[in-house]
């Protein structure tokens, strides 16, 4: 298993999995992640362009030019890539060796995600049901991870019917109980990826280019948020309007201002 023990323990500690009691309660966003996206973008949603692929990004000394799929050129002072690293490298017209090495160190694995009502993909004993449920058979280390999320508990659903989201089902889900099927790519946090996380600061801001995403942390929404805030603060010179201890950051990269705060 290509995963450092230190990172494994840090992940478990961050999620309170090493505690037998007094675990930190988890919070969820009412109405799901779409709700906070709508809140965050409410002030400028009319300026967000969707359903438009980016063909290439050309970086010059004084500006950045973004070319979309319709060959339209959009000029900016800086560019921030909040995308999967393979997509980022595909959009950069001329990545240098360091960008190629660091961003190329973050690989992704495809995962099938099924929303359903089939409790056969949950532990046999109902009292053993948790928010996250690992489903495994034997010791096949090459098989994809299978996890069933109990959405009633995660999202506090007000219904007597049980809803589940299963990642990579190891047994077929009853077709009559399938609501939706989707394919997602998730970052693979091996030794090389963790090294890339530590070195991301070497390419932040270089050639008017910045990078953020959940891949800079543990792959969760909170990691994407923190990395985006870090880029915004480093680029603007402004601080977020609430108290924040950089030592508690979920991402490895700490801009210069964060180092200064920690020293003080």
C-alpha atoms as a PDB file:
ATOM      1  CA  UNK A   1       0.000   0.000   0.000  1.00  0.00           C
ATOM      2  CA  UNK A   2       1.667   3.188  -1.223  1.00  0.00           C
ATOM      3  CA  UNK A   3       0.504   5.471   1.594  1.00  0.00           C
ATOM      4  CA  UNK A   4       2.710   6.960   4.362  1.00  0.00           C
ATOM      5  CA  UNK A   5       1.801   5.933   7.911  1.00  0.00           C
ATOM      6  CA  UNK A   6       2.136   9.534   9.149  1.00  0.00           C
ATOM      7  CA  UNK A   7      -0.463  10.755   6.645  1.00  0.00           C
ATOM      8  CA  UNK A   8      -2.739   7.812   7.472  1.00  0.00           C
ATOM      9  CA  UNK A   9      -2.678   8.626  11.193  1.00  0.00           C
ATOM     10  CA  UNK A  10      -3.153  12.354  10.515  1.00  0.00           C
ATOM     11  CA  UNK A  11      -6.258  11.574   8.442  1.00  0.00           C
ATOM     12  CA  UNK A  12      -7.750   9.442  11.217  1.00  0.00           C
ATOM     13  CA  UNK A  13      -6.979  12.071  13.856  1.00  0.00           C
ATOM     14  CA  UNK A  14      -8.483  14.831  11.707  1.00  0.00           C
ATOM     15  CA  UNK A  15     -11.706  12.837  11.430  1.00  0.00           C
ATOM     16  CA  UNK A  16     -11.807  11.835  15.101  1.00  0.00           C
ATOM     17  CA  UNK A  17     -11.461   8.158  14.232  1.00  0.00           C
ATOM     18  CA  UNK A  18      -8.766   7.527  16.855  1.00  0.00           C
ATOM     19  CA  UNK A  19     -11.067   8.439  19.736  1.00  0.00           C
ATOM     20  CA  UNK A  20     -13.297   5.870  21.415  1.00  0.00           C
ATOM     21  CA  UNK A  21     -15.310   8.578  23.176  1.00  0.00           C
ATOM     22  CA  UNK A  22     -15.818  12.353  23.140  1.00  0.00           C
ATOM     23  CA  UNK A  23     -15.666  12.398  19.357  1.00  0.00           C
ATOM     24  CA  UNK A  24     -16.197  15.744  17.674  1.00  0.00           C
ATOM     25  CA  UNK A  25     -19.731  15.857  16.210  1.00  0.00           C
ATOM     26  CA  UNK A  26     -19.891  16.136  12.438  1.00  0.00           C
ATOM     27  CA  UNK A  27     -21.884  18.913  10.843  1.00  0.00           C
ATOM     28  CA  UNK A  28     -23.653  18.876   7.506  1.00  0.00           C
ATOM     29  CA  UNK A  29     -24.917  21.646   5.264  1.00  0.00           C
ATOM     30  CA  UNK A  30     -28.699  21.886   5.175  1.00  0.00           C
ATOM     31  CA  UNK A  31     -29.965  20.979   1.677  1.00  0.00           C
ATOM     32  CA  UNK A  32     -26.520  19.700   0.661  1.00  0.00           C
ATOM     33  CA  UNK A  33     -23.435  21.241  -0.923  1.00  0.00           C
ATOM     34  CA  UNK A  34     -25.435  23.038  -3.613  1.00  0.00           C
ATOM     35  CA  UNK A  35     -26.803  25.304  -0.878  1.00  0.00           C
ATOM     36  CA  UNK A  36     -23.421  26.713   0.098  1.00  0.00           C
ATOM     37  CA  UNK A  37     -22.376  27.077  -3.535  1.00  0.00           C
ATOM     38  CA  UNK A  38     -25.443  29.240  -4.120  1.00  0.00           C
ATOM     39  CA  UNK A  39     -24.638  31.336  -1.033  1.00  0.00           C
ATOM     40  CA  UNK A  40     -21.002  31.848  -2.019  1.00  0.00           C
ATOM     41  CA  UNK A  41     -21.809  32.864  -5.588  1.00  0.00           C
ATOM     42  CA  UNK A  42     -24.917  34.963  -4.909  1.00  0.00           C
ATOM     43  CA  UNK A  43     -23.033  38.257  -5.284  1.00  0.00           C
ATOM     44  CA  UNK A  44     -21.521  37.527  -8.700  1.00  0.00           C
ATOM     45  CA  UNK A  45     -23.448  34.627 -10.221  1.00  0.00           C
ATOM     46  CA  UNK A  46     -24.289  36.753 -13.263  1.00  0.00           C
ATOM     47  CA  UNK A  47     -20.564  36.795 -14.131  1.00  0.00           C
ATOM     48  CA  UNK A  48     -20.032  33.031 -13.899  1.00  0.00           C
ATOM     49  CA  UNK A  49     -19.718  31.348 -17.293  1.00  0.00           C
ATOM     50  CA  UNK A  50     -20.689  27.661 -17.346  1.00  0.00           C
ATOM     51  CA  UNK A  51     -20.942  24.970 -20.028  1.00  0.00           C
ATOM     52  CA  UNK A  52     -17.954  26.460 -21.827  1.00  0.00           C
ATOM     53  CA  UNK A  53     -14.807  24.361 -22.144  1.00  0.00           C
ATOM     54  CA  UNK A  54     -11.390  26.016 -21.982  1.00  0.00           C
ATOM     55  CA  UNK A  55      -9.118  25.017 -24.843  1.00  0.00           C
ATOM     56  CA  UNK A  56      -5.878  26.566 -23.638  1.00  0.00           C
ATOM     57  CA  UNK A  57      -4.384  29.162 -21.293  1.00  0.00           C
ATOM     58  CA  UNK A  58      -1.575  31.359 -22.597  1.00  0.00           C
ATOM     59  CA  UNK A  59       0.568  33.174 -20.037  1.00  0.00           C
ATOM     60  CA  UNK A  60       2.477  36.343 -20.818  1.00  0.00           C
ATOM     61  CA  UNK A  61       4.591  38.645 -18.676  1.00  0.00           C
ATOM     62  CA  UNK A  62       1.774  41.165 -18.126  1.00  0.00           C
ATOM     63  CA  UNK A  63      -1.403  39.167 -18.706  1.00  0.00           C
ATOM     64  CA  UNK A  64      -3.027  35.767 -19.066  1.00  0.00           C
ATOM     65  CA  UNK A  65      -5.176  34.879 -22.076  1.00  0.00           C
ATOM     66  CA  UNK A  66      -7.836  32.182 -21.729  1.00  0.00           C
ATOM     67  CA  UNK A  67      -9.031  30.663 -25.019  1.00  0.00           C
ATOM     68  CA  UNK A  68     -12.412  28.926 -24.844  1.00  0.00           C
ATOM     69  CA  UNK A  69     -13.863  26.217 -27.074  1.00  0.00           C
ATOM     70  CA  UNK A  70     -15.311  28.862 -29.399  1.00  0.00           C
ATOM     71  CA  UNK A  71     -11.848  30.416 -29.908  1.00  0.00           C
ATOM     72  CA  UNK A  72     -12.835  33.493 -27.920  1.00  0.00           C
ATOM     73  CA  UNK A  73      -9.958  35.146 -26.055  1.00  0.00           C
ATOM     74  CA  UNK A  74     -10.498  36.354 -22.469  1.00  0.00           C
ATOM     75  CA  UNK A  75      -7.752  38.503 -20.919  1.00  0.00           C
ATOM     76  CA  UNK A  76      -6.978  38.563 -17.188  1.00  0.00           C
ATOM     77  CA  UNK A  77      -4.263  39.709 -14.799  1.00  0.00           C
ATOM     78  CA  UNK A  78      -3.990  36.235 -13.232  1.00  0.00           C
ATOM     79  CA  UNK A  79      -5.470  32.766 -13.662  1.00  0.00           C
ATOM     80  CA  UNK A  80      -6.557  30.430 -10.857  1.00  0.00           C
ATOM     81  CA  UNK A  81      -6.946  26.755 -11.686  1.00  0.00           C
ATOM     82  CA  UNK A  82      -9.552  25.138  -9.412  1.00  0.00           C
ATOM     83  CA  UNK A  83      -9.638  21.945 -11.452  1.00  0.00           C
ATOM     84  CA  UNK A  84      -8.335  18.392 -11.323  1.00  0.00           C
ATOM     85  CA  UNK A  85      -4.598  18.421 -11.955  1.00  0.00           C
ATOM     86  CA  UNK A  86      -4.726  16.406 -15.224  1.00  0.00           C
ATOM     87  CA  UNK A  87      -7.261  18.922 -16.562  1.00  0.00           C
ATOM     88  CA  UNK A  88      -5.074  21.793 -15.396  1.00  0.00           C
ATOM     89  CA  UNK A  89      -2.032  20.442 -17.233  1.00  0.00           C
ATOM     90  CA  UNK A  90      -4.146  19.898 -20.351  1.00  0.00           C
ATOM     91  CA  UNK A  91      -5.269  23.540 -20.326  1.00  0.00           C
ATOM     92  CA  UNK A  92      -1.857  25.092 -19.692  1.00  0.00           C
ATOM     93  CA  UNK A  93      -0.325  25.745 -23.068  1.00  0.00           C
ATOM     94  CA  UNK A  94       3.280  25.616 -21.916  1.00  0.00           C
ATOM     95  CA  UNK A  95       3.722  24.002 -18.472  1.00  0.00           C
ATOM     96  CA  UNK A  96       7.296  24.176 -17.215  1.00  0.00           C
ATOM     97  CA  UNK A  97       9.155  21.205 -15.756  1.00  0.00           C
ATOM     98  CA  UNK A  98       8.260  22.051 -12.148  1.00  0.00           C
ATOM     99  CA  UNK A  99       4.557  22.462 -12.919  1.00  0.00           C
ATOM    100  CA  UNK A 100       4.572  19.188 -14.829  1.00  0.00           C
ATOM    101  CA  UNK A 101       6.308  17.356 -11.989  1.00  0.00           C
ATOM    102  CA  UNK A 102       4.223  18.762  -9.117  1.00  0.00           C
ATOM    103  CA  UNK A 103       0.817  18.706 -10.791  1.00  0.00           C
ATOM    104  CA  UNK A 104       1.590  15.390 -12.461  1.00  0.00           C
ATOM    105  CA  UNK A 105       2.182  13.908  -9.025  1.00  0.00           C
ATOM    106  CA  UNK A 106      -1.534  14.120  -8.240  1.00  0.00           C
ATOM    107  CA  UNK A 107      -3.249  11.242 -10.012  1.00  0.00           C
ATOM    108  CA  UNK A 108      -6.941  10.377 -10.025  1.00  0.00           C
ATOM    109  CA  UNK A 109      -8.919   7.152  -9.896  1.00  0.00           C
ATOM    110  CA  UNK A 110     -12.373   6.663 -11.472  1.00  0.00           C
ATOM    111  CA  UNK A 111     -15.219   5.725  -9.131  1.00  0.00           C
ATOM    112  CA  UNK A 112     -18.801   4.672  -9.746  1.00  0.00           C
ATOM    113  CA  UNK A 113     -21.290   6.353  -7.399  1.00  0.00           C
ATOM    114  CA  UNK A 114     -24.817   4.970  -6.993  1.00  0.00           C
ATOM    115  CA  UNK A 115     -27.720   6.638  -5.178  1.00  0.00           C
ATOM    116  CA  UNK A 116     -30.152   3.906  -4.166  1.00  0.00           C
ATOM    117  CA  UNK A 117     -32.417   2.374  -1.507  1.00  0.00           C
ATOM    118  CA  UNK A 118     -30.955  -1.165  -1.437  1.00  0.00           C
ATOM    119  CA  UNK A 119     -29.860  -2.000   2.128  1.00  0.00           C
ATOM    120  CA  UNK A 120     -28.013  -5.089   0.844  1.00  0.00           C
ATOM    121  CA  UNK A 121     -25.061  -2.710   0.423  1.00  0.00           C
ATOM    122  CA  UNK A 122     -25.073  -1.962   4.166  1.00  0.00           C
ATOM    123  CA  UNK A 123     -23.923  -4.007   7.192  1.00  0.00           C
ATOM    124  CA  UNK A 124     -26.215  -6.968   7.846  1.00  0.00           C
ATOM    125  CA  UNK A 125     -26.975  -5.826  11.385  1.00  0.00           C
ATOM    126  CA  UNK A 126     -28.847  -2.537  11.331  1.00  0.00           C
ATOM    127  CA  UNK A 127     -27.490  -1.450  14.712  1.00  0.00           C
ATOM    128  CA  UNK A 128     -24.036  -1.508  13.087  1.00  0.00           C
ATOM    129  CA  UNK A 129     -25.036   1.054  10.466  1.00  0.00           C
ATOM    130  CA  UNK A 130     -22.906   4.206  10.523  1.00  0.00           C
ATOM    131  CA  UNK A 131     -22.710   7.338   8.402  1.00  0.00           C
ATOM    132  CA  UNK A 132     -19.811   5.727   6.504  1.00  0.00           C
ATOM    133  CA  UNK A 133     -19.800   1.949   6.043  1.00  0.00           C
ATOM    134  CA  UNK A 134     -16.876   0.056   4.519  1.00  0.00           C
ATOM    135  CA  UNK A 135     -18.052  -2.978   2.578  1.00  0.00           C
ATOM    136  CA  UNK A 136     -15.387  -5.605   1.851  1.00  0.00           C
ATOM    137  CA  UNK A 137     -14.855  -9.236   0.990  1.00  0.00           C
ATOM    138  CA  UNK A 138     -11.627 -11.056   1.737  1.00  0.00           C
ATOM    139  CA  UNK A 139      -8.203  -9.472   1.291  1.00  0.00           C
ATOM    140  CA  UNK A 140      -8.219  -8.437  -2.357  1.00  0.00           C
ATOM    141  CA  UNK A 141      -5.995  -5.358  -2.143  1.00  0.00           C
ATOM    142  CA  UNK A 142      -6.405  -4.599  -5.848  1.00  0.00           C
ATOM    143  CA  UNK A 143     -10.179  -4.179  -5.613  1.00  0.00           C
ATOM    144  CA  UNK A 144     -11.580  -0.658  -5.536  1.00  0.00           C
ATOM    145  CA  UNK A 145     -12.764   0.718  -2.224  1.00  0.00           C
ATOM    146  CA  UNK A 146     -16.475   0.156  -1.572  1.00  0.00           C
ATOM    147  CA  UNK A 147     -18.174   2.505   0.871  1.00  0.00           C
ATOM    148  CA  UNK A 148     -21.875   3.047   1.542  1.00  0.00           C
ATOM    149  CA  UNK A 149     -22.972   6.391   2.958  1.00  0.00           C
ATOM    150  CA  UNK A 150     -26.203   6.397   4.944  1.00  0.00           C
ATOM    151  CA  UNK A 151     -27.730   9.614   3.692  1.00  0.00           C
ATOM    152  CA  UNK A 152     -30.523   9.700   6.283  1.00  0.00           C
ATOM    153  CA  UNK A 153     -27.945  10.187   9.009  1.00  0.00           C
ATOM    154  CA  UNK A 154     -25.530  12.327   7.008  1.00  0.00           C
ATOM    155  CA  UNK A 155     -28.178  14.765   5.792  1.00  0.00           C
ATOM    156  CA  UNK A 156     -30.723  14.307   8.602  1.00  0.00           C
ATOM    157  CA  UNK A 157     -33.390  13.307   6.096  1.00  0.00           C
ATOM    158  CA  UNK A 158     -36.938  13.535   7.418  1.00  0.00           C
ATOM    159  CA  UNK A 159     -38.206  10.261   5.983  1.00  0.00           C
ATOM    160  CA  UNK A 160     -38.759   6.671   7.074  1.00  0.00           C
ATOM    161  CA  UNK A 161     -37.223   5.393   3.847  1.00  0.00           C
ATOM    162  CA  UNK A 162     -33.479   4.720   3.882  1.00  0.00           C
ATOM    163  CA  UNK A 163     -31.313   6.280   1.187  1.00  0.00           C
ATOM    164  CA  UNK A 164     -27.721   5.279   0.454  1.00  0.00           C
ATOM    165  CA  UNK A 165     -24.862   6.441  -1.731  1.00  0.00           C
ATOM    166  CA  UNK A 166     -22.484   3.587  -2.517  1.00  0.00           C
ATOM    167  CA  UNK A 167     -19.035   4.082  -3.969  1.00  0.00           C
ATOM    168  CA  UNK A 168     -17.945   1.212  -6.267  1.00  0.00           C
ATOM    169  CA  UNK A 169     -20.544  -1.440  -5.292  1.00  0.00           C
ATOM    170  CA  UNK A 170     -18.914  -4.875  -4.882  1.00  0.00           C
ATOM    171  CA  UNK A 171     -22.262  -6.542  -5.552  1.00  0.00           C
ATOM    172  CA  UNK A 172     -24.884  -5.316  -8.035  1.00  0.00           C
ATOM    173  CA  UNK A 173     -27.448  -2.900  -6.661  1.00  0.00           C
ATOM    174  CA  UNK A 174     -31.050  -4.000  -7.172  1.00  0.00           C
ATOM    175  CA  UNK A 175     -31.981  -2.184 -10.435  1.00  0.00           C
ATOM    176  CA  UNK A 176     -35.451  -1.463  -9.068  1.00  0.00           C
ATOM    177  CA  UNK A 177     -33.875   0.454  -6.189  1.00  0.00           C
ATOM    178  CA  UNK A 178     -31.370   2.531  -8.190  1.00  0.00           C
ATOM    179  CA  UNK A 179     -32.158   6.252  -8.289  1.00  0.00           C
ATOM    180  CA  UNK A 180     -29.067   7.617 -10.020  1.00  0.00           C
ATOM    181  CA  UNK A 181     -25.624   6.493 -11.209  1.00  0.00           C
ATOM    182  CA  UNK A 182     -22.648   8.800 -11.774  1.00  0.00           C
ATOM    183  CA  UNK A 183     -18.935   8.528 -12.494  1.00  0.00           C
ATOM    184  CA  UNK A 184     -16.443  10.677 -10.596  1.00  0.00           C
ATOM    185  CA  UNK A 185     -12.662  10.928 -10.420  1.00  0.00           C
ATOM    186  CA  UNK A 186     -11.097  11.226  -6.968  1.00  0.00           C
ATOM    187  CA  UNK A 187      -7.477  12.118  -6.113  1.00  0.00           C
ATOM    188  CA  UNK A 188      -5.153   9.246  -5.221  1.00  0.00           C
ATOM    189  CA  UNK A 189      -3.082  10.165  -2.173  1.00  0.00           C
ATOM    190  CA  UNK A 190       0.051   8.067  -2.514  1.00  0.00           C
ATOM    191  CA  UNK A 191       3.631   9.023  -1.580  1.00  0.00           C
ATOM    192  CA  UNK A 192       4.175  11.044  -4.755  1.00  0.00           C
ATOM    193  CA  UNK A 193       0.920  12.963  -4.281  1.00  0.00           C
ATOM    194  CA  UNK A 194       1.803  13.931  -0.717  1.00  0.00           C
ATOM    195  CA  UNK A 195       5.188  15.149  -1.947  1.00  0.00           C
ATOM    196  CA  UNK A 196       3.448  17.306  -4.557  1.00  0.00           C
ATOM    197  CA  UNK A 197       1.244  18.800  -1.830  1.00  0.00           C
ATOM    198  CA  UNK A 198       4.338  19.821   0.117  1.00  0.00           C
ATOM    199  CA  UNK A 199       5.900  21.483  -2.944  1.00  0.00           C
ATOM    200  CA  UNK A 200       2.851  23.261  -4.395  1.00  0.00           C
ATOM    201  CA  UNK A 201       4.062  26.577  -2.971  1.00  0.00           C
ATOM    202  CA  UNK A 202       6.988  26.511  -5.407  1.00  0.00           C
ATOM    203  CA  UNK A 203       4.645  27.176  -8.338  1.00  0.00           C
ATOM    204  CA  UNK A 204       1.961  29.312  -6.677  1.00  0.00           C
ATOM    205  CA  UNK A 205       1.821  32.749  -8.290  1.00  0.00           C
ATOM    206  CA  UNK A 206       4.601  31.981 -10.764  1.00  0.00           C
ATOM    207  CA  UNK A 207       3.799  33.309 -14.247  1.00  0.00           C
ATOM    208  CA  UNK A 208       0.560  34.815 -12.910  1.00  0.00           C
ATOM    209  CA  UNK A 209      -0.758  31.305 -12.211  1.00  0.00           C
ATOM    210  CA  UNK A 210      -2.370  29.897  -9.057  1.00  0.00           C
ATOM    211  CA  UNK A 211      -3.706  26.501  -8.079  1.00  0.00           C
ATOM    212  CA  UNK A 212      -6.319  25.296  -5.594  1.00  0.00           C
ATOM    213  CA  UNK A 213      -8.574  22.315  -5.061  1.00  0.00           C
ATOM    214  CA  UNK A 214      -9.548  19.589  -2.644  1.00  0.00           C
ATOM    215  CA  UNK A 215      -6.516  17.609  -3.864  1.00  0.00           C
ATOM    216  CA  UNK A 216      -4.339  19.965  -1.790  1.00  0.00           C
ATOM    217  CA  UNK A 217      -5.758  18.407   1.396  1.00  0.00           C
ATOM    218  CA  UNK A 218      -7.673  15.177   2.001  1.00  0.00           C
ATOM    219  CA  UNK A 219      -9.990  15.550  -0.988  1.00  0.00           C
ATOM    220  CA  UNK A 220     -12.960  17.008   0.908  1.00  0.00           C
ATOM    221  CA  UNK A 221     -15.027  20.144   0.329  1.00  0.00           C
ATOM    222  CA  UNK A 222     -13.344  21.799   3.328  1.00  0.00           C
ATOM    223  CA  UNK A 223      -9.942  21.275   1.697  1.00  0.00           C
ATOM    224  CA  UNK A 224     -11.100  22.881  -1.525  1.00  0.00           C
ATOM    225  CA  UNK A 225     -12.474  25.831   0.439  1.00  0.00           C
ATOM    226  CA  UNK A 226      -9.290  26.342   2.457  1.00  0.00           C
ATOM    227  CA  UNK A 227      -7.045  26.115  -0.592  1.00  0.00           C
ATOM    228  CA  UNK A 228      -9.217  28.624  -2.447  1.00  0.00           C
ATOM    229  CA  UNK A 229      -9.142  31.046   0.478  1.00  0.00           C
ATOM    230  CA  UNK A 230      -5.365  30.692   0.727  1.00  0.00           C
ATOM    231  CA  UNK A 231      -4.971  31.602  -2.946  1.00  0.00           C
ATOM    232  CA  UNK A 232      -7.375  34.540  -2.654  1.00  0.00           C
ATOM    233  CA  UNK A 233      -5.490  35.905   0.351  1.00  0.00           C
ATOM    234  CA  UNK A 234      -2.060  35.418  -1.209  1.00  0.00           C
ATOM    235  CA  UNK A 235      -3.187  37.092  -4.429  1.00  0.00           C
ATOM    236  CA  UNK A 236      -5.091  39.995  -2.874  1.00  0.00           C
ATOM    237  CA  UNK A 237      -3.100  40.629   0.292  1.00  0.00           C
ATOM    238  CA  UNK A 238      -6.364  40.587   2.257  1.00  0.00           C
ATOM    239  CA  UNK A 239      -7.261  38.285   5.152  1.00  0.00           C
ATOM    240  CA  UNK A 240     -10.501  36.380   5.628  1.00  0.00           C
ATOM    241  CA  UNK A 241     -12.838  38.268   8.000  1.00  0.00           C
ATOM    242  CA  UNK A 242     -12.728  35.678  10.792  1.00  0.00           C
ATOM    243  CA  UNK A 243     -10.114  34.261  13.148  1.00  0.00           C
ATOM    244  CA  UNK A 244      -7.991  31.483  11.686  1.00  0.00           C
ATOM    245  CA  UNK A 245      -5.004  29.596  13.088  1.00  0.00           C
ATOM    246  CA  UNK A 246      -2.751  28.665  10.126  1.00  0.00           C
ATOM    247  CA  UNK A 247      -1.358  25.783  12.190  1.00  0.00           C
ATOM    248  CA  UNK A 248      -4.804  24.150  11.965  1.00  0.00           C
ATOM    249  CA  UNK A 249      -4.933  24.346   8.182  1.00  0.00           C
ATOM    250  CA  UNK A 250      -6.097  21.242   6.313  1.00  0.00           C
ATOM    251  CA  UNK A 251      -3.707  21.956   3.435  1.00  0.00           C
ATOM    252  CA  UNK A 252       0.089  21.769   3.344  1.00  0.00           C
ATOM    253  CA  UNK A 253       0.692  25.076   1.524  1.00  0.00           C
ATOM    254  CA  UNK A 254       0.956  28.117   3.766  1.00  0.00           C
ATOM    255  CA  UNK A 255       1.378  31.477   1.993  1.00  0.00           C
ATOM    256  CA  UNK A 256       3.978  33.933   3.296  1.00  0.00           C
ATOM    257  CA  UNK A 257       1.397  35.861   5.305  1.00  0.00           C
ATOM    258  CA  UNK A 258       0.492  32.661   7.174  1.00  0.00           C
ATOM    259  CA  UNK A 259       4.128  32.032   8.038  1.00  0.00           C
ATOM    260  CA  UNK A 260       4.326  35.577   9.417  1.00  0.00           C
ATOM    261  CA  UNK A 261       1.209  35.086  11.555  1.00  0.00           C
ATOM    262  CA  UNK A 262       2.582  31.818  12.935  1.00  0.00           C
ATOM    263  CA  UNK A 263       5.888  33.488  13.827  1.00  0.00           C
ATOM    264  CA  UNK A 264       4.137  36.274  15.688  1.00  0.00           C
END
